[in-house]
């Protein structure tokens, strides 16, 4: 018979087990799988309404206020700016306090941002609402969720990250819903509904997330600790095969970090601009709003194939080569995108195939490369610093595309220029040394 202390917790290895966690242990289901499921739900909803859904509300806002494309798309850049600026700090906080508290607070911040967005009447108020949304996104996605997942998985990290990042791709399912609500109820009412949805959906899911498996008596991947004897006492053995562990200060001095960070900025530059301007661009070349919303829905959804397949492919040809391949596919996609027109709508098919596959392959392999080269001991800090550099791409891509359109009345030159940016990313990734050359480092 098991006696439950008044606290409702049982002591585990390096921490305590709640009654819920004890139930999961008895069910033989690794708790990391519940973390994956919760992370997918969080990133699906937040990515769907914040990242992908913005393209559906872009034109209604321009039509109501008469603001320029550059002014409205700057809100997307402010979102990227604050997320990138806070990423290094978020990395430190998640390593210190764990992801659950950050996600809880972030869901409230996003909800406040959407409520404020539904009430805006000035450009300053519009930007202010997006700052709240960006603050919340900083703690509800990216650094926080990736840290949680990589802490619970090692050998299966590629698959786990692929599944969670697929949740972001599934966020594209939200685009038709966002478009429907915006067109039928008005964009203000739609924003209010999505803000309330944050409280109803994301906030409860935050309670499922846990920090490190060792705190609850688990090992990564659900491995069983092997009992060993030392001085006649049975002890739990540490996880086999010690991992590489690179201190953040050493990572920042190395070539690999900066190549990954700058290449990631190139990725954010291109994808951020395409996602923000997808529907306005297609409308400008004669594609109907209904078809444009379908493409905005399909593009992230189709990227799931790359997100899930990248782990399998990386095991065979290496994450570095898969990441390089993702940039090559993005180049092809952007070149096709530049020549879509009312008489060439069939080009939407190869565009979606190339860009979505390239997009999907890059998301998972970037994270696994960070894990392979630097380990998980300081993963949050290092991936947070990389996201901080990605800020440059987030804050420049969308408004630059908008400025080009405002200046010349066409996106054609913008998309050709962005293909060149993707080529720079290809070169940076391809020249990263293999992960096997990474060394165990300590701060000096």
Protein backbone atom coordinates (compact mmCIF):
# COMPACT_ATOMS: atom_id res chain seq x y z
CA UNK A 1 0.00 0.00 0.00
CA UNK A 2 1.39 3.42 -0.96
CA UNK A 3 1.10 6.18 1.61
CA UNK A 4 0.51 9.64 0.17
CA UNK A 5 1.97 12.52 2.22
CA UNK A 6 -0.33 15.46 3.06
CA UNK A 7 1.39 17.48 0.35
CA UNK A 8 -0.06 15.14 -2.25
CA UNK A 9 3.41 14.41 -3.61
CA UNK A 10 5.78 11.47 -3.55
CA UNK A 11 9.50 11.95 -3.61
CA UNK A 12 11.21 11.08 -6.87
CA UNK A 13 14.77 11.33 -8.08
CA UNK A 14 15.85 14.94 -7.73
CA UNK A 15 12.30 16.22 -7.16
CA UNK A 16 8.75 15.22 -6.28
CA UNK A 17 5.91 13.53 -8.11
CA UNK A 18 2.38 14.94 -8.03
CA UNK A 19 -0.58 12.57 -7.99
CA UNK A 20 -1.14 13.31 -11.70
CA UNK A 21 2.47 12.43 -12.54
CA UNK A 22 2.26 9.27 -10.41
CA UNK A 23 -0.80 8.23 -12.41
CA UNK A 24 1.11 8.75 -15.65
CA UNK A 25 4.02 6.71 -14.26
CA UNK A 26 1.68 3.83 -13.40
CA UNK A 27 0.15 3.97 -16.87
CA UNK A 28 3.61 3.26 -18.38
CA UNK A 29 3.23 6.26 -20.70
CA UNK A 30 6.33 8.44 -20.71
CA UNK A 31 5.36 11.89 -19.43
CA UNK A 32 7.40 13.50 -22.21
CA UNK A 33 4.67 12.39 -24.62
CA UNK A 34 2.13 14.50 -22.73
CA UNK A 35 4.50 17.45 -22.97
CA UNK A 36 4.69 16.97 -26.75
CA UNK A 37 0.88 16.90 -26.98
CA UNK A 38 0.50 20.06 -24.89
CA UNK A 39 3.25 21.85 -26.82
CA UNK A 40 1.55 20.98 -30.12
CA UNK A 41 -1.73 22.45 -28.88
CA UNK A 42 -0.03 25.63 -27.63
CA UNK A 43 1.98 26.29 -30.77
CA UNK A 44 -0.92 25.36 -33.08
CA UNK A 45 -3.25 27.95 -31.57
CA UNK A 46 -0.74 30.73 -31.00
CA UNK A 47 0.95 30.23 -34.38
CA UNK A 48 -2.41 30.05 -36.13
CA UNK A 49 -3.86 33.29 -34.81
CA UNK A 50 -0.69 35.37 -34.39
CA UNK A 51 1.71 34.26 -37.11
CA UNK A 52 -0.46 32.95 -39.93
CA UNK A 53 -3.75 34.68 -39.19
CA UNK A 54 -2.29 38.18 -39.55
CA UNK A 55 -2.30 37.94 -43.35
CA UNK A 56 -6.12 37.63 -43.28
CA UNK A 57 -6.60 40.83 -41.26
CA UNK A 58 -3.96 42.82 -43.19
CA UNK A 59 -6.19 44.26 -45.93
CA UNK A 60 -9.24 45.00 -43.73
CA UNK A 61 -7.03 47.12 -41.46
CA UNK A 62 -5.48 48.95 -44.43
CA UNK A 63 -8.96 49.60 -45.85
CA UNK A 64 -10.35 50.93 -42.56
CA UNK A 65 -7.51 53.24 -41.56
CA UNK A 66 -5.82 53.99 -44.89
CA UNK A 67 -2.38 53.10 -43.53
CA UNK A 68 0.32 52.01 -45.98
CA UNK A 69 1.40 48.40 -46.44
CA UNK A 70 4.76 49.23 -44.85
CA UNK A 71 3.08 50.75 -41.78
CA UNK A 72 0.82 47.75 -41.21
CA UNK A 73 3.52 45.15 -41.88
CA UNK A 74 5.75 46.94 -39.37
CA UNK A 75 3.47 45.49 -36.68
CA UNK A 76 4.64 42.05 -37.75
CA UNK A 77 8.22 43.29 -37.43
CA UNK A 78 7.56 44.70 -33.97
CA UNK A 79 6.32 41.26 -33.03
CA UNK A 80 9.54 39.76 -34.37
CA UNK A 81 11.66 42.53 -32.82
CA UNK A 82 10.39 42.02 -29.29
CA UNK A 83 10.48 38.22 -29.60
CA UNK A 84 14.06 38.40 -30.84
CA UNK A 85 15.15 41.04 -28.33
CA UNK A 86 13.74 39.04 -25.43
CA UNK A 87 14.89 35.62 -26.69
CA UNK A 88 18.28 35.63 -24.89
CA UNK A 89 16.59 36.71 -21.63
CA UNK A 90 13.83 34.13 -22.11
CA UNK A 91 16.52 31.48 -22.61
CA UNK A 92 18.07 32.36 -19.25
CA UNK A 93 14.68 32.42 -17.51
CA UNK A 94 13.50 29.09 -18.90
CA UNK A 95 16.74 27.36 -17.88
CA UNK A 96 16.38 28.83 -14.38
CA UNK A 97 12.63 28.68 -13.68
CA UNK A 98 11.30 26.18 -16.21
CA UNK A 99 8.76 26.70 -19.01
CA UNK A 100 5.41 26.37 -17.22
CA UNK A 101 5.35 29.77 -15.51
CA UNK A 102 6.53 31.53 -18.66
CA UNK A 103 3.82 29.97 -20.83
CA UNK A 104 1.13 30.82 -18.25
CA UNK A 105 2.13 34.50 -18.17
CA UNK A 106 2.61 34.60 -21.94
CA UNK A 107 -0.91 33.34 -22.64
CA UNK A 108 -2.32 36.18 -20.54
CA UNK A 109 -0.14 38.74 -22.35
CA UNK A 110 -1.31 37.56 -25.78
CA UNK A 111 -4.94 37.64 -24.62
CA UNK A 112 -4.51 41.25 -23.44
CA UNK A 113 -2.88 42.15 -26.74
CA UNK A 114 -5.79 40.82 -28.78
CA UNK A 115 -8.35 42.58 -26.60
CA UNK A 116 -6.44 45.85 -27.07
CA UNK A 117 -6.15 45.17 -30.81
CA UNK A 118 -9.93 44.88 -31.06
CA UNK A 119 -10.23 48.42 -29.66
CA UNK A 120 -7.46 50.31 -31.50
CA UNK A 121 -8.11 53.59 -33.29
CA UNK A 122 -4.58 54.91 -33.82
CA UNK A 123 -1.38 53.57 -35.34
CA UNK A 124 0.41 53.92 -31.99
CA UNK A 125 -2.30 51.86 -30.30
CA UNK A 126 -2.02 49.27 -33.06
CA UNK A 127 1.71 48.90 -32.43
CA UNK A 128 1.16 48.87 -28.66
CA UNK A 129 -1.26 45.93 -28.92
CA UNK A 130 1.29 43.99 -30.98
CA UNK A 131 3.95 44.61 -28.34
CA UNK A 132 1.77 42.77 -25.81
CA UNK A 133 1.26 39.97 -28.33
CA UNK A 134 5.00 39.78 -29.04
CA UNK A 135 5.81 39.63 -25.33
CA UNK A 136 3.43 36.71 -24.92
CA UNK A 137 4.70 34.90 -28.01
CA UNK A 138 8.22 35.15 -26.61
CA UNK A 139 7.20 32.94 -23.69
CA UNK A 140 4.62 30.71 -25.42
CA UNK A 141 6.65 29.41 -28.35
CA UNK A 142 10.16 29.16 -29.76
CA UNK A 143 12.77 29.11 -27.01
CA UNK A 144 10.45 27.96 -24.23
CA UNK A 145 8.72 25.04 -25.97
CA UNK A 146 11.89 23.83 -27.70
CA UNK A 147 13.76 23.85 -24.41
CA UNK A 148 11.01 21.86 -22.72
CA UNK A 149 10.99 19.24 -25.47
CA UNK A 150 14.77 18.89 -25.83
CA UNK A 151 15.09 18.45 -22.06
CA UNK A 152 12.78 15.43 -22.19
CA UNK A 153 14.22 13.80 -25.32
CA UNK A 154 17.73 12.96 -26.47
CA UNK A 155 17.92 10.10 -28.98
CA UNK A 156 14.37 10.87 -30.08
CA UNK A 157 14.88 14.64 -30.01
CA UNK A 158 14.62 14.98 -33.80
CA UNK A 159 11.26 13.21 -33.92
CA UNK A 160 9.95 15.07 -30.86
CA UNK A 161 10.98 18.46 -32.25
CA UNK A 162 9.52 17.51 -35.62
CA UNK A 163 6.16 16.69 -34.07
CA UNK A 164 6.04 19.90 -32.04
CA UNK A 165 7.12 22.06 -34.97
CA UNK A 166 4.42 20.34 -37.02
CA UNK A 167 1.98 21.88 -34.59
CA UNK A 168 3.17 25.24 -35.86
CA UNK A 169 2.51 24.05 -39.42
CA UNK A 170 -0.95 22.91 -38.36
CA UNK A 171 -1.51 26.52 -37.34
CA UNK A 172 -2.24 27.10 -41.00
CA UNK A 173 -5.56 25.37 -40.35
CA UNK A 174 -6.54 28.50 -38.48
CA UNK A 175 -6.24 30.78 -41.53
CA UNK A 176 -9.63 29.89 -43.11
CA UNK A 177 -11.25 30.26 -39.68
CA UNK A 178 -9.59 33.64 -39.12
CA UNK A 179 -10.62 34.74 -42.62
CA UNK A 180 -14.20 33.56 -42.08
CA UNK A 181 -14.56 35.36 -38.75
CA UNK A 182 -12.92 38.55 -40.08
CA UNK A 183 -15.15 38.63 -43.17
CA UNK A 184 -18.39 37.69 -41.38
CA UNK A 185 -18.06 39.36 -37.96
CA UNK A 186 -15.52 42.06 -38.65
CA UNK A 187 -11.85 42.03 -37.74
CA UNK A 188 -12.39 43.66 -34.33
CA UNK A 189 -14.81 41.01 -33.11
CA UNK A 190 -12.57 38.27 -34.50
CA UNK A 191 -9.58 39.60 -32.55
CA UNK A 192 -11.62 39.66 -29.34
CA UNK A 193 -12.71 36.05 -29.87
CA UNK A 194 -9.13 34.87 -30.43
CA UNK A 195 -7.94 36.72 -27.34
CA UNK A 196 -10.52 34.94 -25.20
CA UNK A 197 -9.45 31.68 -26.84
CA UNK A 198 -5.97 32.14 -25.39
CA UNK A 199 -7.41 32.00 -21.88
CA UNK A 200 -9.63 29.01 -22.68
CA UNK A 201 -7.08 26.92 -24.59
CA UNK A 202 -3.43 27.85 -24.03
CA UNK A 203 -3.55 28.82 -20.35
CA UNK A 204 -4.82 25.36 -19.20
CA UNK A 205 -2.26 23.58 -21.39
CA UNK A 206 0.56 25.43 -19.64
CA UNK A 207 -0.06 23.31 -16.53
CA UNK A 208 0.94 20.14 -18.40
CA UNK A 209 4.44 21.39 -19.24
CA UNK A 210 7.35 20.35 -16.99
CA UNK A 211 11.02 21.38 -17.00
CA UNK A 212 13.52 18.47 -16.79
CA UNK A 213 12.71 14.76 -16.50
CA UNK A 214 15.33 14.17 -13.79
CA UNK A 215 13.32 16.40 -11.45
CA UNK A 216 10.47 13.87 -11.60
CA UNK A 217 12.37 10.60 -11.55
CA UNK A 218 12.65 10.11 -15.30
CA UNK A 219 15.47 10.01 -17.82
CA UNK A 220 15.28 11.51 -21.34
CA UNK A 221 13.37 9.41 -23.91
CA UNK A 222 11.72 7.43 -21.09
CA UNK A 223 14.85 5.35 -20.54
CA UNK A 224 15.05 3.29 -17.40
CA UNK A 225 17.95 4.07 -15.07
CA UNK A 226 20.11 0.97 -14.67
CA UNK A 227 20.65 0.00 -10.99
CA UNK A 228 24.33 -0.35 -10.06
CA UNK A 229 26.05 -1.18 -6.81
CA UNK A 230 28.56 1.17 -5.23
CA UNK A 231 29.88 0.28 -1.77
CA UNK A 232 27.05 -2.22 -1.32
CA UNK A 233 24.39 0.42 -2.01
CA UNK A 234 22.10 0.26 -5.05
CA UNK A 235 22.04 3.58 -6.89
CA UNK A 236 20.43 4.90 -10.03
CA UNK A 237 22.93 5.17 -12.82
CA UNK A 238 23.14 8.34 -14.83
CA UNK A 239 21.99 8.35 -18.42
CA UNK A 240 24.44 6.51 -20.70
CA UNK A 241 26.81 8.22 -23.10
CA UNK A 242 27.57 11.67 -21.67
CA UNK A 243 26.51 14.52 -23.91
CA UNK A 244 28.54 17.37 -25.27
CA UNK A 245 28.13 20.41 -23.05
CA UNK A 246 29.18 23.82 -24.36
CA UNK A 247 28.92 26.87 -22.16
CA UNK A 248 27.14 29.87 -23.76
CA UNK A 249 30.25 32.05 -23.53
CA UNK A 250 32.23 29.46 -25.46
CA UNK A 251 29.41 29.05 -27.99
CA UNK A 252 29.35 32.78 -28.69
CA UNK A 253 33.08 32.71 -29.45
CA UNK A 254 32.69 29.91 -31.99
CA UNK A 255 32.04 29.91 -35.71
CA UNK A 256 29.17 27.39 -35.58
CA UNK A 257 26.95 29.59 -33.43
CA UNK A 258 27.23 32.61 -35.73
CA UNK A 259 26.74 30.65 -38.93
CA UNK A 260 23.61 29.05 -37.50
CA UNK A 261 22.36 32.37 -36.14
CA UNK A 262 22.89 34.40 -39.33
CA UNK A 263 21.48 31.63 -41.51
CA UNK A 264 18.43 31.53 -39.23
CA UNK A 265 18.06 35.29 -39.67
CA UNK A 266 18.05 34.78 -43.45
CA UNK A 267 15.34 32.16 -43.00
CA UNK A 268 13.22 34.47 -40.83
CA UNK A 269 13.71 37.32 -43.31
CA UNK A 270 12.24 35.32 -46.20
CA UNK A 271 9.50 33.34 -44.44
CA UNK A 272 8.31 36.28 -42.35
CA UNK A 273 7.87 38.43 -45.44
CA UNK A 274 6.06 35.73 -47.42
CA UNK A 275 3.66 34.84 -44.60
CA UNK A 276 2.84 38.51 -43.92
CA UNK A 277 2.39 39.57 -47.56
CA UNK A 278 1.03 36.34 -49.07
CA UNK A 279 -2.61 37.40 -49.42
CA UNK A 280 -1.90 41.06 -50.32
CA UNK A 281 0.61 39.94 -52.98
CA UNK A 282 -1.70 37.36 -54.54
CA UNK A 283 -4.51 39.93 -54.60
CA UNK A 284 -2.19 42.39 -56.38
CA UNK A 285 -1.58 39.89 -59.20
CA UNK A 286 -5.24 38.99 -59.72
CA UNK A 287 -5.69 35.98 -57.42
CA UNK A 288 -9.02 36.01 -55.57
CA UNK A 289 -9.14 36.50 -51.81
CA UNK A 290 -10.79 33.10 -51.34
CA UNK A 291 -8.03 31.30 -53.25
CA UNK A 292 -5.37 33.37 -51.47
CA UNK A 293 -6.73 32.28 -48.09
CA UNK A 294 -6.58 28.64 -49.23
CA UNK A 295 -2.90 29.06 -50.19
CA UNK A 296 -2.20 30.74 -46.84
CA UNK A 297 -3.84 27.72 -45.21
CA UNK A 298 -2.02 25.09 -47.31
CA UNK A 299 1.49 26.56 -47.13
CA UNK A 300 2.20 25.94 -43.42
CA UNK A 301 0.14 22.75 -43.47
CA UNK A 302 2.24 21.33 -46.31
CA UNK A 303 5.42 22.20 -44.38
CA UNK A 304 4.52 19.40 -41.94
CA UNK A 305 5.93 16.86 -44.40
CA UNK A 306 9.33 18.55 -44.12
CA UNK A 307 9.09 18.97 -40.35
CA UNK A 308 8.32 15.29 -39.76
CA UNK A 309 10.56 13.95 -42.54
CA UNK A 310 13.62 16.00 -41.60
CA UNK A 311 14.46 13.76 -38.63
CA UNK A 312 14.41 10.61 -40.75
CA UNK A 313 16.37 12.29 -43.55
CA UNK A 314 18.92 13.80 -41.14
CA UNK A 315 19.73 10.35 -39.78
CA UNK A 316 20.76 9.33 -43.30
CA UNK A 317 22.53 12.34 -44.78
CA UNK A 318 23.08 14.58 -41.72
CA UNK A 319 21.27 17.63 -40.34
CA UNK A 320 23.71 20.03 -42.00
CA UNK A 321 22.91 18.74 -45.48
CA UNK A 322 19.17 18.71 -44.80
CA UNK A 323 19.32 22.31 -43.55
CA UNK A 324 21.24 23.30 -46.71
CA UNK A 325 18.66 21.51 -48.86
CA UNK A 326 15.90 23.47 -47.13
CA UNK A 327 17.45 26.76 -48.25
CA UNK A 328 17.85 25.53 -51.83
CA UNK A 329 14.15 24.63 -51.93
CA UNK A 330 13.28 28.07 -50.52
CA UNK A 331 15.28 29.69 -53.34
CA UNK A 332 13.32 27.71 -55.93
CA UNK A 333 10.06 28.63 -54.20
CA UNK A 334 10.85 32.36 -54.17
CA UNK A 335 11.84 32.38 -57.86
CA UNK A 336 8.52 30.74 -58.74
CA UNK A 337 6.63 33.08 -56.40
CA UNK A 338 7.99 36.13 -58.23
CA UNK A 339 6.34 35.07 -61.52
CA UNK A 340 2.86 34.13 -60.32
CA UNK A 341 0.14 36.10 -62.11
CA UNK A 342 -3.51 35.95 -63.13
CA UNK A 343 -2.59 33.87 -66.18
CA UNK A 344 -0.06 31.72 -64.31
CA UNK A 345 -1.96 30.61 -61.24
CA UNK A 346 -0.80 27.04 -61.88
CA UNK A 347 2.60 28.17 -60.52
CA UNK A 348 1.01 28.20 -57.08
CA UNK A 349 1.36 24.40 -57.00
CA UNK A 350 5.17 24.17 -57.43
CA UNK A 351 5.57 27.27 -55.25
CA UNK A 352 3.70 25.68 -52.33
CA UNK A 353 5.60 22.40 -52.79
CA UNK A 354 9.08 23.98 -52.88
CA UNK A 355 8.68 26.66 -50.22
CA UNK A 356 6.68 24.55 -47.76
CA UNK A 357 9.11 21.63 -47.97
CA UNK A 358 12.10 23.94 -47.59
CA UNK A 359 10.42 25.71 -44.70
CA UNK A 360 9.59 22.47 -42.91
CA UNK A 361 13.03 20.92 -43.32
CA UNK A 362 14.74 23.98 -41.86
CA UNK A 363 12.71 24.31 -38.65
CA UNK A 364 13.59 20.93 -37.14
CA UNK A 365 17.16 20.62 -38.40
CA UNK A 366 18.16 24.04 -37.04
CA UNK A 367 17.14 22.92 -33.55
CA UNK A 368 18.80 19.50 -33.81
CA UNK A 369 22.03 21.14 -35.02
CA UNK A 370 22.04 23.34 -31.92
CA UNK A 371 21.50 20.25 -29.74
CA UNK A 372 24.21 18.26 -31.53
CA UNK A 373 26.85 20.99 -31.35
CA UNK A 374 26.12 22.47 -27.91
CA UNK A 375 24.17 19.89 -25.84
CA UNK A 376 21.15 20.48 -23.62
CA UNK A 377 22.71 21.78 -20.39
CA UNK A 378 22.53 25.38 -21.67
CA UNK A 379 20.18 24.79 -24.59
CA UNK A 380 17.70 27.49 -23.58
CA UNK A 381 20.36 30.19 -23.34
CA UNK A 382 22.02 29.24 -26.64
CA UNK A 383 18.86 28.80 -28.72
CA UNK A 384 17.58 32.02 -27.16
CA UNK A 385 20.70 33.86 -28.31
CA UNK A 386 20.24 32.44 -31.83
CA UNK A 387 16.63 33.63 -31.86
CA UNK A 388 17.94 37.02 -30.78
CA UNK A 389 20.03 37.21 -33.95
CA UNK A 390 17.03 35.98 -35.96
CA UNK A 391 15.37 39.21 -34.83
CA UNK A 392 17.23 40.99 -37.60
CA UNK A 393 15.41 38.94 -40.21
CA UNK A 394 12.09 39.22 -38.40
CA UNK A 395 12.14 43.01 -38.22
CA UNK A 396 13.44 43.70 -41.73
CA UNK A 397 11.85 41.19 -44.12
CA UNK A 398 8.16 42.11 -43.99
CA UNK A 399 8.52 45.92 -43.92
CA UNK A 400 11.16 45.84 -46.67
CA UNK A 401 8.77 43.89 -48.90
CA UNK A 402 6.03 46.38 -48.03
CA UNK A 403 8.31 49.33 -48.80
CA UNK A 404 9.24 47.87 -52.18
CA UNK A 405 5.57 47.46 -53.03
CA UNK A 406 4.74 51.02 -51.90
CA UNK A 407 7.63 52.35 -54.01
CA UNK A 408 7.31 50.44 -57.29
CA UNK A 409 3.77 49.03 -57.03
CA UNK A 410 4.98 45.43 -57.37
CA UNK A 411 6.45 42.64 -55.25
CA UNK A 412 8.45 41.15 -58.14
CA UNK A 413 11.83 42.69 -57.28
CA UNK A 414 11.32 41.91 -53.58
CA UNK A 415 10.87 38.18 -54.13
CA UNK A 416 13.89 37.96 -56.46
CA UNK A 417 15.98 39.81 -53.89
CA UNK A 418 14.77 37.51 -51.12
CA UNK A 419 15.91 34.49 -53.16
CA UNK A 420 19.44 35.91 -52.95
CA UNK A 421 19.09 36.19 -49.16
CA UNK A 422 18.16 32.50 -49.06
CA UNK A 423 21.29 31.72 -51.10
CA UNK A 424 23.41 33.41 -48.41
CA UNK A 425 21.77 31.15 -45.84
CA UNK A 426 22.59 28.10 -47.95
CA UNK A 427 26.29 28.94 -48.02
CA UNK A 428 26.43 29.62 -44.28
CA UNK A 429 24.80 26.31 -43.36
CA UNK A 430 26.70 24.16 -45.85
CA UNK A 431 30.07 25.36 -44.50
CA UNK A 432 29.27 24.50 -40.84
CA UNK A 433 31.74 21.82 -39.63
CA UNK A 434 30.27 18.40 -38.81
CA UNK A 435 28.83 18.02 -35.32
CA UNK A 436 31.26 15.23 -34.46
CA UNK A 437 34.02 17.84 -34.22
CA UNK A 438 32.25 19.60 -31.35
CA UNK A 439 34.19 19.46 -28.10
CA UNK A 440 33.21 19.52 -24.46
CA UNK A 441 33.96 22.97 -23.13
CA UNK A 442 33.86 24.74 -19.80
CA UNK A 443 33.72 28.48 -19.25
CA UNK A 444 37.03 30.24 -18.78
